[in-house]
Protein backbone atom coordinates (compact mmCIF):
# COMPACT_ATOMS: atom_id res chain seq x y z
CA MET A 1 18.00 -3.64 -14.38
CA VAL A 2 14.80 -5.14 -13.17
CA LEU A 3 11.65 -2.79 -13.50
CA LYS A 4 8.23 -4.01 -11.86
CA THR A 5 5.09 -2.06 -11.68
CA GLY A 6 1.63 -2.44 -9.89
CA ILE A 7 -1.57 -0.98 -10.15
CA ASP A 8 -5.09 -1.45 -7.79
CA LEU A 9 -8.13 0.49 -8.12
CA ILE A 10 -10.78 -0.29 -5.09
CA GLU A 11 -13.75 1.24 -4.32
CA ILE A 12 -14.19 3.47 -1.37
CA ASP A 13 -17.34 2.09 -0.09
CA ARG A 14 -15.56 -1.76 0.20
CA VAL A 15 -13.12 0.05 2.95
CA GLN A 16 -15.61 2.42 4.57
CA ALA A 17 -18.07 -0.31 4.72
CA ALA A 18 -15.06 -3.28 6.24
CA ILE A 19 -14.53 -0.25 8.85
CA GLU A 20 -17.57 0.59 10.07
CA ARG A 21 -18.57 -3.56 10.23
CA HIS A 22 -15.11 -4.36 12.07
CA GLY A 23 -13.66 -1.15 13.33
CA THR A 24 -10.91 -0.59 14.71
CA ARG A 25 -9.57 -4.65 14.12
CA PHE A 26 -9.44 -4.12 10.82
CA LEU A 27 -7.71 -1.07 10.52
CA GLU A 28 -4.70 -2.89 12.70
CA ARG A 29 -4.97 -5.39 10.47
CA VAL A 30 -4.24 -3.76 7.57
CA PHE A 31 -2.78 -0.58 8.30
CA THR A 32 0.14 0.32 10.41
CA PRO A 33 -0.16 2.44 13.52
CA GLN A 34 1.17 5.71 11.34
CA GLU A 35 -0.55 5.00 8.46
CA ILE A 36 -3.70 5.13 10.64
CA THR A 37 -2.92 8.58 12.17
CA GLU A 38 -1.94 9.71 8.95
CA CYS A 39 -5.17 8.89 7.43
CA ARG A 40 -7.05 10.82 9.68
CA GLY A 41 -10.16 8.57 9.70
CA ARG A 42 -10.89 9.59 6.18
CA PRO A 43 -12.43 6.35 4.46
CA GLU A 44 -10.62 7.58 0.34
CA ALA A 45 -7.14 8.10 2.46
CA PHE A 46 -7.54 4.32 3.83
CA ALA A 47 -8.76 2.81 0.87
CA ALA A 48 -5.74 4.62 -1.48
CA LEU A 49 -3.43 2.87 0.84
CA PHE A 50 -5.02 0.08 0.70
CA ALA A 51 -4.55 -0.02 -3.17
CA ALA A 52 -1.14 0.96 -2.76
CA LYS A 53 -0.32 -2.45 -0.90
CA GLU A 54 -2.09 -4.83 -3.33
CA ALA A 55 -0.15 -2.53 -5.91
CA ALA A 56 3.03 -3.27 -3.82
CA VAL A 57 2.59 -6.97 -3.73
CA LYS A 58 1.85 -7.06 -7.45
CA ALA A 59 5.16 -5.56 -8.04
CA LEU A 60 7.07 -7.91 -5.86
CA GLY A 61 4.56 -11.02 -7.16
CA THR A 62 3.64 -12.17 -4.56
CA GLY A 63 -0.12 -10.96 -3.42
CA ILE A 64 -1.12 -11.07 0.52
CA GLY A 65 -0.50 -13.55 1.55
CA PRO A 66 3.16 -14.55 1.21
CA VAL A 67 3.31 -11.29 2.35
CA SER A 68 1.27 -9.56 5.18
CA TRP A 69 -0.63 -6.11 4.86
CA CYS A 70 1.32 -4.12 7.55
CA GLU A 71 4.93 -5.53 6.14
CA VAL A 72 3.58 -2.68 2.78
CA GLU A 73 3.45 0.45 4.86
CA THR A 74 2.63 3.80 2.67
CA LEU A 75 3.75 7.31 4.64
CA HIS A 76 4.00 10.38 3.18
CA HIS A 77 6.70 13.39 2.74
CA PRO A 78 5.73 16.90 4.75
CA SER A 79 5.45 17.95 1.52
CA GLY A 80 2.65 15.37 0.95
CA GLU A 81 4.20 13.23 -1.34
CA PRO A 82 3.96 9.44 -0.53
CA TYR A 83 6.48 6.77 -0.20
CA LEU A 84 6.86 3.10 0.32
CA ARG A 85 8.28 1.28 3.12
CA LEU A 86 8.98 -2.37 2.86
CA HIS A 87 9.12 -4.73 6.52
CA GLY A 88 9.85 -8.35 7.00
CA ARG A 89 8.68 -10.53 4.28
CA ALA A 90 8.49 -8.08 1.82
CA LYS A 91 11.44 -6.53 2.22
CA ALA A 92 13.36 -9.90 2.23
CA ILE A 93 11.63 -10.93 -0.76
CA ALA A 94 12.08 -7.26 -2.41
CA GLY A 95 15.75 -8.28 -1.94
CA ARG A 96 16.22 -11.40 -3.54
CA LEU A 97 14.91 -9.41 -7.06
CA GLY A 98 16.60 -6.62 -6.26
CA LEU A 99 14.08 -3.98 -6.17
CA GLU A 100 15.88 -1.18 -4.62
CA TYR A 101 14.11 1.81 -5.75
CA TRP A 102 10.46 2.27 -4.99
CA SER A 103 7.76 5.37 -5.80
CA VAL A 104 4.27 4.96 -5.33
CA SER A 105 1.30 7.59 -6.72
CA LEU A 106 -1.95 7.35 -5.50
CA THR A 107 -5.50 8.77 -6.13
CA HIS A 108 -8.85 8.90 -5.67
CA SER A 109 -12.68 10.60 -6.55
CA ARG A 110 -15.69 10.44 -5.11
CA GLY A 111 -16.23 6.78 -5.39
CA LEU A 112 -12.22 5.25 -6.29
CA ALA A 113 -8.87 4.77 -4.88
CA ALA A 114 -5.85 3.95 -7.11
CA ALA A 115 -2.55 3.19 -6.67
CA VAL A 116 0.38 2.77 -8.94
CA VAL A 117 4.05 1.39 -7.56
CA VAL A 118 6.72 1.05 -10.09
CA ALA A 119 10.10 -0.56 -8.44
CA ILE A 120 13.41 -0.60 -10.34
CA GLY A 121 16.87 -2.30 -8.83
CA SER A 122 19.92 -4.78 -10.87
CA GLU A 123 19.45 -7.90 -11.45
């Protein structure tokens, strides 16, 4: 069995400043259309998803670069539970590593957002 983890913490103000400075260009570069819709313009929601993307690529062992922002997507079930969907290179790398099951947990306070990602599979 293989187990990989990733964690990330980000200041919500940093994400809000990027949105204010770069607007739609920033949002479309970092988030998928469905993520943008689900966040409903809330900076804390965007920050939590940003942290999830960083945590997921840490679990993959790549960081952003070999995997683009939109190749890691965090969405929500009707219950509100978040889940990850991998695309493109992220999905291919996960396949090579034998990672089949992913779990993500998101949280935020007034000033910070965080995410933890766990992936398991067989070697």
